[in-house]
Amino acid sequence: MNLYQNSVVLFILVYTIPGCDYLKTKGAEAAVFTLQNKCRNTIWPGILPGSGQIQLMNGGFQLNPGEVVNVTAPKKWSGRFWPRRFCKFDSAGNGQCLTGDCGGKLQCTGAGGAPPATLAEFTLDSPVDYYDVSLVDGYNVRVSIEPLSGTGPTCKPISCLSELNRLCPVGLQVKRNGHVVACKSACLAFNTPEYCCTGAYATPNSCKPTNYSKVFKAVCPTSYSYAYDDPTSTFTCQDGNYLIRFC
């Protein structure tokens, strides 16, 4: 959209959601991600930028139950958000998370989350915003993405809001005190080409859904269940702001 024609025109739209007021400057080099913790327990979101992109919020922070935090990203930003659970950090930000850990640090600062972890992925302004919820790295917490602005035929809420840990196949389970707290991907659990879409299975034609990925897809039909699950799992918006909700 061209906002400059003989003079500068600035549009400011204000959006309101329960527990959160924020604004976005249309045409500015920014998009707003609103992270909301609807879980009963604390979540420590991790943020990993794409190659060459800036780090947001130093890569991680604590998000208490019911808390909402806005994160502003520049135009063309790409990266992922994921929930970390069962974390303990000292006053210097050193510690560990049972799921989604990023090198034992509160602020991930360029480190990715250790799978299994549910991912919310974004590529902004290419030329539209692409977004998805991915279970390719496994599952630990329910995650949804809701566009709070934007247009487009596939600009709509997506989610993995079923409690996949309760349905996780035995070979994929991660347990804590006898309870399943995360569900591995088949690639992480077995590390074979047919599950990881590598080697002879490195193309969409050769790498097909497996019995394990079909379990993920049945529970979370709009989420990536394996590497080439593109047709039903990638969504787009034009000029969007996004609510990322945990639980």
C-alpha atoms as a PDB file:
ATOM      1  CA  MET A   1       0.000   0.000   0.000  1.00  0.00           C
ATOM      2  CA  ASN A   2       1.406   3.417  -0.996  1.00  0.00           C
ATOM      3  CA  LEU A   3       0.849   5.918   1.810  1.00  0.00           C
ATOM      4  CA  TYR A   4       2.929   8.669   0.268  1.00  0.00           C
ATOM      5  CA  GLN A   5       1.388  10.782  -2.420  1.00  0.00           C
ATOM      6  CA  ASN A   6       2.509  14.426  -2.270  1.00  0.00           C
ATOM      7  CA  SER A   7       2.215  14.266   1.536  1.00  0.00           C
ATOM      8  CA  VAL A   8       2.706  11.728   4.269  1.00  0.00           C
ATOM      9  CA  VAL A   9      -0.468  10.075   5.463  1.00  0.00           C
ATOM     10  CA  LEU A  10      -0.376   8.128   8.696  1.00  0.00           C
ATOM     11  CA  PHE A  11      -3.140   5.821   9.807  1.00  0.00           C
ATOM     12  CA  ILE A  12      -3.291   4.521  13.343  1.00  0.00           C
ATOM     13  CA  LEU A  13      -5.657   1.716  14.192  1.00  0.00           C
ATOM     14  CA  VAL A  14      -6.420   0.766  17.763  1.00  0.00           C
ATOM     15  CA  TYR A  15      -7.385  -2.776  18.675  1.00  0.00           C
ATOM     16  CA  THR A  16      -8.760  -4.070  21.954  1.00  0.00           C
ATOM     17  CA  ILE A  17      -8.862  -7.638  23.214  1.00  0.00           C
ATOM     18  CA  PRO A  18      -9.675  -8.914  26.672  1.00  0.00           C
ATOM     19  CA  GLY A  19      -6.826  -7.925  28.961  1.00  0.00           C
ATOM     20  CA  CYS A  20      -4.912  -6.074  26.272  1.00  0.00           C
ATOM     21  CA  ASP A  21      -4.968  -2.708  24.517  1.00  0.00           C
ATOM     22  CA  TYR A  22      -2.414  -1.931  21.848  1.00  0.00           C
ATOM     23  CA  LEU A  23      -2.003  -0.002  18.621  1.00  0.00           C
ATOM     24  CA  LYS A  24      -0.378  -0.548  15.297  1.00  0.00           C
ATOM     25  CA  THR A  25       0.769   2.120  12.898  1.00  0.00           C
ATOM     26  CA  LYS A  26      -0.310   1.093   9.424  1.00  0.00           C
ATOM     27  CA  GLY A  27       2.475   1.651   6.965  1.00  0.00           C
ATOM     28  CA  ALA A  28       5.110   1.746   9.710  1.00  0.00           C
ATOM     29  CA  GLU A  29       7.817  -0.866   9.677  1.00  0.00           C
ATOM     30  CA  ALA A  30       6.253  -2.929  12.432  1.00  0.00           C
ATOM     31  CA  ALA A  31       3.865  -5.706  13.340  1.00  0.00           C
ATOM     32  CA  VAL A  32       2.645  -6.450  16.850  1.00  0.00           C
ATOM     33  CA  PHE A  33       2.638  -9.952  18.335  1.00  0.00           C
ATOM     34  CA  THR A  34       0.509 -10.205  21.470  1.00  0.00           C
ATOM     35  CA  LEU A  35       1.525 -13.160  23.638  1.00  0.00           C
ATOM     36  CA  GLN A  36      -1.128 -14.300  26.110  1.00  0.00           C
ATOM     37  CA  ASN A  37      -0.797 -17.018  28.750  1.00  0.00           C
ATOM     38  CA  LYS A  38      -4.143 -18.755  29.289  1.00  0.00           C
ATOM     39  CA  CYS A  39      -2.493 -21.705  31.039  1.00  0.00           C
ATOM     40  CA  ARG A  40      -2.827 -22.353  34.755  1.00  0.00           C
ATOM     41  CA  ASN A  41       0.955 -22.383  35.084  1.00  0.00           C
ATOM     42  CA  THR A  42       3.733 -20.014  34.073  1.00  0.00           C
ATOM     43  CA  ILE A  43       5.030 -20.156  30.507  1.00  0.00           C
ATOM     44  CA  TRP A  44       8.450 -18.891  29.426  1.00  0.00           C
ATOM     45  CA  PRO A  45       8.099 -17.975  25.716  1.00  0.00           C
ATOM     46  CA  GLY A  46      11.177 -18.399  23.565  1.00  0.00           C
ATOM     47  CA  ILE A  47      11.774 -16.375  20.398  1.00  0.00           C
ATOM     48  CA  LEU A  48      14.175 -17.325  17.604  1.00  0.00           C
ATOM     49  CA  PRO A  49      14.609 -14.951  14.637  1.00  0.00           C
ATOM     50  CA  GLY A  50      15.236 -16.137  11.104  1.00  0.00           C
ATOM     51  CA  SER A  51      18.663 -15.784   9.544  1.00  0.00           C
ATOM     52  CA  GLY A  52      19.763 -12.145   9.472  1.00  0.00           C
ATOM     53  CA  GLN A  53      16.745 -10.957  11.500  1.00  0.00           C
ATOM     54  CA  ILE A  54      16.890  -9.000  14.741  1.00  0.00           C
ATOM     55  CA  GLN A  55      16.329 -10.651  18.102  1.00  0.00           C
ATOM     56  CA  LEU A  56      13.064  -9.682  19.830  1.00  0.00           C
ATOM     57  CA  MET A  57      12.810  -9.364  23.640  1.00  0.00           C
ATOM     58  CA  ASN A  58      16.312 -10.822  23.998  1.00  0.00           C
ATOM     59  CA  GLY A  59      14.849 -14.152  22.940  1.00  0.00           C
ATOM     60  CA  GLY A  60      12.805 -15.043  25.999  1.00  0.00           C
ATOM     61  CA  PHE A  61      10.963 -13.960  29.135  1.00  0.00           C
ATOM     62  CA  GLN A  62       8.567 -15.122  31.840  1.00  0.00           C
ATOM     63  CA  LEU A  63       4.817 -14.972  31.161  1.00  0.00           C
ATOM     64  CA  ASN A  64       2.651 -15.564  34.221  1.00  0.00           C
ATOM     65  CA  PRO A  65      -0.867 -17.061  34.107  1.00  0.00           C
ATOM     66  CA  GLY A  66      -3.285 -14.517  32.645  1.00  0.00           C
ATOM     67  CA  GLU A  67      -0.477 -12.160  31.616  1.00  0.00           C
ATOM     68  CA  VAL A  68      -0.308 -10.439  28.219  1.00  0.00           C
ATOM     69  CA  VAL A  69       2.849  -9.008  26.621  1.00  0.00           C
ATOM     70  CA  ASN A  70       3.160  -7.145  23.312  1.00  0.00           C
ATOM     71  CA  VAL A  71       6.207  -7.752  21.131  1.00  0.00           C
ATOM     72  CA  THR A  72       6.866  -5.428  18.179  1.00  0.00           C
ATOM     73  CA  ALA A  73       8.669  -6.795  15.115  1.00  0.00           C
ATOM     74  CA  PRO A  74      10.106  -4.833  12.190  1.00  0.00           C
ATOM     75  CA  LYS A  75       8.877  -5.172   8.643  1.00  0.00           C
ATOM     76  CA  LYS A  76      10.129  -8.305   6.847  1.00  0.00           C
ATOM     77  CA  TRP A  77      10.821 -10.059  10.152  1.00  0.00           C
ATOM     78  CA  SER A  78      10.693 -13.845  10.293  1.00  0.00           C
ATOM     79  CA  GLY A  79      11.062 -16.256  13.155  1.00  0.00           C
ATOM     80  CA  ARG A  80       9.338 -18.517  15.636  1.00  0.00           C
ATOM     81  CA  PHE A  81       7.820 -18.398  19.110  1.00  0.00           C
ATOM     82  CA  TRP A  82       7.481 -21.411  21.380  1.00  0.00           C
ATOM     83  CA  PRO A  83       6.405 -22.147  24.967  1.00  0.00           C
ATOM     84  CA  ARG A  84       8.848 -23.385  27.579  1.00  0.00           C
ATOM     85  CA  ARG A  85       7.501 -25.157  30.658  1.00  0.00           C
ATOM     86  CA  PHE A  86       8.675 -26.268  34.093  1.00  0.00           C
ATOM     87  CA  CYS A  87      11.545 -23.772  34.170  1.00  0.00           C
ATOM     88  CA  LYS A  88      13.759 -22.600  37.024  1.00  0.00           C
ATOM     89  CA  PHE A  89      16.177 -19.695  36.633  1.00  0.00           C
ATOM     90  CA  ASP A  90      18.432 -17.923  39.091  1.00  0.00           C
ATOM     91  CA  SER A  91      18.799 -14.156  39.396  1.00  0.00           C
ATOM     92  CA  ALA A  92      21.340 -14.177  36.552  1.00  0.00           C
ATOM     93  CA  GLY A  93      18.916 -15.910  34.172  1.00  0.00           C
ATOM     94  CA  ASN A  94      20.660 -19.276  34.284  1.00  0.00           C
ATOM     95  CA  GLY A  95      18.692 -22.466  34.769  1.00  0.00           C
ATOM     96  CA  GLN A  96      16.764 -25.006  32.758  1.00  0.00           C
ATOM     97  CA  CYS A  97      13.335 -25.825  31.338  1.00  0.00           C
ATOM     98  CA  LEU A  98      11.981 -29.350  31.162  1.00  0.00           C
ATOM     99  CA  THR A  99      10.450 -28.671  27.714  1.00  0.00           C
ATOM    100  CA  GLY A 100      11.540 -26.136  25.082  1.00  0.00           C
ATOM    101  CA  ASP A 101      14.829 -25.300  26.840  1.00  0.00           C
ATOM    102  CA  CYS A 102      17.223 -23.006  24.942  1.00  0.00           C
ATOM    103  CA  GLY A 103      20.648 -23.740  26.352  1.00  0.00           C
ATOM    104  CA  GLY A 104      19.741 -23.198  29.996  1.00  0.00           C
ATOM    105  CA  LYS A 105      19.071 -19.470  29.659  1.00  0.00           C
ATOM    106  CA  LEU A 106      16.057 -17.286  30.406  1.00  0.00           C
ATOM    107  CA  GLN A 107      16.910 -15.141  27.369  1.00  0.00           C
ATOM    108  CA  CYS A 108      17.519 -17.439  24.417  1.00  0.00           C
ATOM    109  CA  THR A 109      19.440 -14.791  22.391  1.00  0.00           C
ATOM    110  CA  GLY A 110      19.672 -16.774  19.172  1.00  0.00           C
ATOM    111  CA  ALA A 111      19.347 -20.310  20.546  1.00  0.00           C
ATOM    112  CA  GLY A 112      16.452 -22.476  19.424  1.00  0.00           C
ATOM    113  CA  GLY A 113      14.206 -24.500  21.675  1.00  0.00           C
ATOM    114  CA  ALA A 114      15.014 -28.126  22.383  1.00  0.00           C
ATOM    115  CA  PRO A 115      12.234 -30.321  20.975  1.00  0.00           C
ATOM    116  CA  PRO A 116       9.591 -31.368  21.637  1.00  0.00           C
ATOM    117  CA  ALA A 117       7.963 -27.930  21.541  1.00  0.00           C
ATOM    118  CA  THR A 118       4.938 -26.469  19.777  1.00  0.00           C
ATOM    119  CA  LEU A 119       5.957 -23.696  17.361  1.00  0.00           C
ATOM    120  CA  ALA A 120       4.227 -20.530  16.121  1.00  0.00           C
ATOM    121  CA  GLU A 121       6.089 -19.526  12.940  1.00  0.00           C
ATOM    122  CA  PHE A 122       5.953 -16.293  10.938  1.00  0.00           C
ATOM    123  CA  THR A 123       7.411 -14.744   7.794  1.00  0.00           C
ATOM    124  CA  LEU A 124       6.198 -11.160   7.422  1.00  0.00           C
ATOM    125  CA  ASP A 125       5.713  -9.141   4.227  1.00  0.00           C
ATOM    126  CA  SER A 126       6.813 -11.717   1.624  1.00  0.00           C
ATOM    127  CA  PRO A 127       4.797  -9.955   0.171  1.00  0.00           C
ATOM    128  CA  VAL A 128       2.069 -11.157   2.569  1.00  0.00           C
ATOM    129  CA  ASP A 129       2.501 -12.557   6.080  1.00  0.00           C
ATOM    130  CA  TYR A 130       2.855 -16.334   6.246  1.00  0.00           C
ATOM    131  CA  TYR A 131       2.106 -18.047   9.547  1.00  0.00           C
ATOM    132  CA  ASP A 132       1.578 -21.542  10.922  1.00  0.00           C
ATOM    133  CA  VAL A 133       1.428 -23.672  14.048  1.00  0.00           C
ATOM    134  CA  SER A 134       3.942 -26.492  13.695  1.00  0.00           C
ATOM    135  CA  LEU A 135       4.216 -29.874  15.417  1.00  0.00           C
ATOM    136  CA  VAL A 136       7.215 -30.899  13.307  1.00  0.00           C
ATOM    137  CA  ASP A 137       9.371 -30.424  16.429  1.00  0.00           C
ATOM    138  CA  GLY A 138       6.764 -32.179  18.566  1.00  0.00           C
ATOM    139  CA  TYR A 139       4.257 -30.775  21.056  1.00  0.00           C
ATOM    140  CA  ASN A 140       4.410 -29.482  24.614  1.00  0.00           C
ATOM    141  CA  VAL A 141       1.676 -26.823  25.057  1.00  0.00           C
ATOM    142  CA  ARG A 142      -1.536 -25.849  23.258  1.00  0.00           C
ATOM    143  CA  VAL A 143      -0.887 -22.891  20.926  1.00  0.00           C
ATOM    144  CA  SER A 144      -3.141 -20.765  18.743  1.00  0.00           C
ATOM    145  CA  ILE A 145      -2.577 -17.833  16.373  1.00  0.00           C
ATOM    146  CA  GLU A 146      -5.350 -15.308  15.812  1.00  0.00           C
ATOM    147  CA  PRO A 147      -4.986 -12.423  13.342  1.00  0.00           C
ATOM    148  CA  LEU A 148      -6.155  -9.252  15.077  1.00  0.00           C
ATOM    149  CA  SER A 149      -6.011  -7.330  11.809  1.00  0.00           C
ATOM    150  CA  GLY A 150      -5.230  -8.079   8.198  1.00  0.00           C
ATOM    151  CA  THR A 151      -7.023  -9.309   5.123  1.00  0.00           C
ATOM    152  CA  GLY A 152      -6.924 -12.279   2.792  1.00  0.00           C
ATOM    153  CA  PRO A 153      -8.840 -15.454   1.958  1.00  0.00           C
ATOM    154  CA  THR A 154      -6.815 -17.573   4.429  1.00  0.00           C
ATOM    155  CA  CYS A 155      -6.390 -14.840   7.065  1.00  0.00           C
ATOM    156  CA  LYS A 156      -8.046 -16.686   9.944  1.00  0.00           C
ATOM    157  CA  PRO A 157      -7.398 -18.153  13.401  1.00  0.00           C
ATOM    158  CA  ILE A 158      -5.484 -21.425  13.560  1.00  0.00           C
ATOM    159  CA  SER A 159      -4.709 -23.571  16.554  1.00  0.00           C
ATOM    160  CA  CYS A 160      -3.561 -26.752  18.184  1.00  0.00           C
ATOM    161  CA  LEU A 161      -5.803 -26.513  21.233  1.00  0.00           C
ATOM    162  CA  SER A 162      -6.385 -30.192  21.903  1.00  0.00           C
ATOM    163  CA  GLU A 163      -4.360 -31.699  24.740  1.00  0.00           C
ATOM    164  CA  LEU A 164      -2.139 -33.853  22.551  1.00  0.00           C
ATOM    165  CA  ASN A 165      -0.124 -35.033  25.562  1.00  0.00           C
ATOM    166  CA  ARG A 166      -3.100 -37.155  26.613  1.00  0.00           C
ATOM    167  CA  LEU A 167      -3.229 -38.830  23.190  1.00  0.00           C
ATOM    168  CA  CYS A 168       0.503 -39.129  22.593  1.00  0.00           C
ATOM    169  CA  PRO A 169       1.594 -42.596  21.366  1.00  0.00           C
ATOM    170  CA  VAL A 170       3.700 -44.468  23.900  1.00  0.00           C
ATOM    171  CA  GLY A 171       6.903 -44.309  21.858  1.00  0.00           C
ATOM    172  CA  LEU A 172       6.721 -40.500  21.653  1.00  0.00           C
ATOM    173  CA  GLN A 173       5.928 -39.643  25.273  1.00  0.00           C
ATOM    174  CA  VAL A 174       8.052 -37.391  27.508  1.00  0.00           C
ATOM    175  CA  LYS A 175       7.156 -37.892  31.179  1.00  0.00           C
ATOM    176  CA  ARG A 176       7.655 -35.992  34.436  1.00  0.00           C
ATOM    177  CA  ASN A 177       6.662 -37.636  37.712  1.00  0.00           C
ATOM    178  CA  GLY A 178       4.706 -40.238  35.765  1.00  0.00           C
ATOM    179  CA  HIS A 179       2.725 -37.676  33.740  1.00  0.00           C
ATOM    180  CA  VAL A 180       3.151 -36.994  30.003  1.00  0.00           C
ATOM    181  CA  VAL A 181       4.365 -33.391  29.651  1.00  0.00           C
ATOM    182  CA  ALA A 182       5.334 -33.405  25.973  1.00  0.00           C
ATOM    183  CA  CYS A 183       4.989 -35.481  22.826  1.00  0.00           C
ATOM    184  CA  LYS A 184       7.980 -36.068  20.553  1.00  0.00           C
ATOM    185  CA  SER A 185       7.776 -36.043  16.793  1.00  0.00           C
ATOM    186  CA  ALA A 186       8.465 -39.406  15.160  1.00  0.00           C
ATOM    187  CA  CYS A 187      11.626 -37.892  13.659  1.00  0.00           C
ATOM    188  CA  LEU A 188      12.932 -36.960  17.111  1.00  0.00           C
ATOM    189  CA  ALA A 189      11.961 -40.327  18.594  1.00  0.00           C
ATOM    190  CA  PHE A 190      13.275 -42.629  15.848  1.00  0.00           C
ATOM    191  CA  ASN A 191      15.589 -40.450  13.696  1.00  0.00           C
ATOM    192  CA  THR A 192      14.986 -42.345  10.458  1.00  0.00           C
ATOM    193  CA  PRO A 193      14.721 -40.852   6.944  1.00  0.00           C
ATOM    194  CA  GLU A 194      11.069 -41.762   6.410  1.00  0.00           C
ATOM    195  CA  TYR A 195      10.073 -39.897   9.577  1.00  0.00           C
ATOM    196  CA  CYS A 196      12.515 -36.993   9.145  1.00  0.00           C
ATOM    197  CA  CYS A 197      11.948 -36.483   5.378  1.00  0.00           C
ATOM    198  CA  THR A 198      15.670 -36.834   4.660  1.00  0.00           C
ATOM    199  CA  GLY A 199      17.783 -38.910   2.281  1.00  0.00           C
ATOM    200  CA  ALA A 200      15.571 -40.839  -0.139  1.00  0.00           C
ATOM    201  CA  TYR A 201      12.528 -39.228   1.534  1.00  0.00           C
ATOM    202  CA  ALA A 202      13.629 -35.607   1.075  1.00  0.00           C
ATOM    203  CA  THR A 203      10.894 -34.561  -1.374  1.00  0.00           C
ATOM    204  CA  PRO A 204       7.125 -34.025  -1.043  1.00  0.00           C
ATOM    205  CA  ASN A 205       6.515 -36.978  -3.355  1.00  0.00           C
ATOM    206  CA  SER A 206       8.615 -39.405  -1.341  1.00  0.00           C
ATOM    207  CA  CYS A 207       7.868 -38.227   2.212  1.00  0.00           C
ATOM    208  CA  LYS A 208       4.268 -38.988   3.090  1.00  0.00           C
ATOM    209  CA  PRO A 209       2.186 -38.869   6.287  1.00  0.00           C
ATOM    210  CA  THR A 210       2.954 -41.652   8.746  1.00  0.00           C
ATOM    211  CA  ASN A 211       0.779 -43.274  11.380  1.00  0.00           C
ATOM    212  CA  TYR A 212       2.383 -40.948  13.939  1.00  0.00           C
ATOM    213  CA  SER A 213       1.900 -37.719  11.965  1.00  0.00           C
ATOM    214  CA  LYS A 214      -1.693 -38.764  11.266  1.00  0.00           C
ATOM    215  CA  VAL A 215      -2.335 -38.792  15.032  1.00  0.00           C
ATOM    216  CA  PHE A 216      -1.059 -35.202  15.230  1.00  0.00           C
ATOM    217  CA  LYS A 217      -3.117 -34.151  12.226  1.00  0.00           C
ATOM    218  CA  ALA A 218      -6.327 -35.717  13.508  1.00  0.00           C
ATOM    219  CA  VAL A 219      -6.018 -33.787  16.775  1.00  0.00           C
ATOM    220  CA  CYS A 220      -4.778 -30.496  15.274  1.00  0.00           C
ATOM    221  CA  PRO A 221      -5.955 -30.354  11.621  1.00  0.00           C
ATOM    222  CA  THR A 222      -4.645 -26.835  10.852  1.00  0.00           C
ATOM    223  CA  SER A 223      -1.146 -27.543  12.207  1.00  0.00           C
ATOM    224  CA  TYR A 224       1.946 -28.903  10.467  1.00  0.00           C
ATOM    225  CA  SER A 225       2.156 -32.591  11.323  1.00  0.00           C
ATOM    226  CA  TYR A 226       5.291 -33.387   9.268  1.00  0.00           C
ATOM    227  CA  ALA A 227       7.753 -31.488   7.075  1.00  0.00           C
ATOM    228  CA  TYR A 228       5.722 -31.430   3.839  1.00  0.00           C
ATOM    229  CA  ASP A 229       2.301 -30.854   5.337  1.00  0.00           C
ATOM    230  CA  ASP A 230       1.972 -27.505   3.494  1.00  0.00           C
ATOM    231  CA  PRO A 231      -1.447 -27.473   1.757  1.00  0.00           C
ATOM    232  CA  THR A 232      -3.557 -27.501   4.934  1.00  0.00           C
ATOM    233  CA  SER A 233      -1.109 -25.874   7.326  1.00  0.00           C
ATOM    234  CA  THR A 234       0.160 -22.538   5.903  1.00  0.00           C
ATOM    235  CA  PHE A 235      -1.934 -19.383   6.164  1.00  0.00           C
ATOM    236  CA  THR A 236      -1.499 -15.802   4.975  1.00  0.00           C
ATOM    237  CA  CYS A 237      -2.620 -12.290   5.912  1.00  0.00           C
ATOM    238  CA  GLN A 238      -1.939  -8.847   4.485  1.00  0.00           C
ATOM    239  CA  ASP A 239      -0.837  -6.238   7.064  1.00  0.00           C
ATOM    240  CA  GLY A 240      -1.568  -8.330  10.133  1.00  0.00           C
ATOM    241  CA  ASN A 241      -1.131  -8.136  13.891  1.00  0.00           C
ATOM    242  CA  TYR A 242      -1.283 -11.459  15.709  1.00  0.00           C
ATOM    243  CA  LEU A 243      -2.420 -12.875  19.039  1.00  0.00           C
ATOM    244  CA  ILE A 244      -0.355 -15.903  20.084  1.00  0.00           C
ATOM    245  CA  ARG A 245      -2.180 -17.683  22.862  1.00  0.00           C
ATOM    246  CA  PHE A 246      -0.736 -20.442  25.025  1.00  0.00           C
ATOM    247  CA  CYS A 247      -3.469 -22.854  26.233  1.00  0.00           C
END
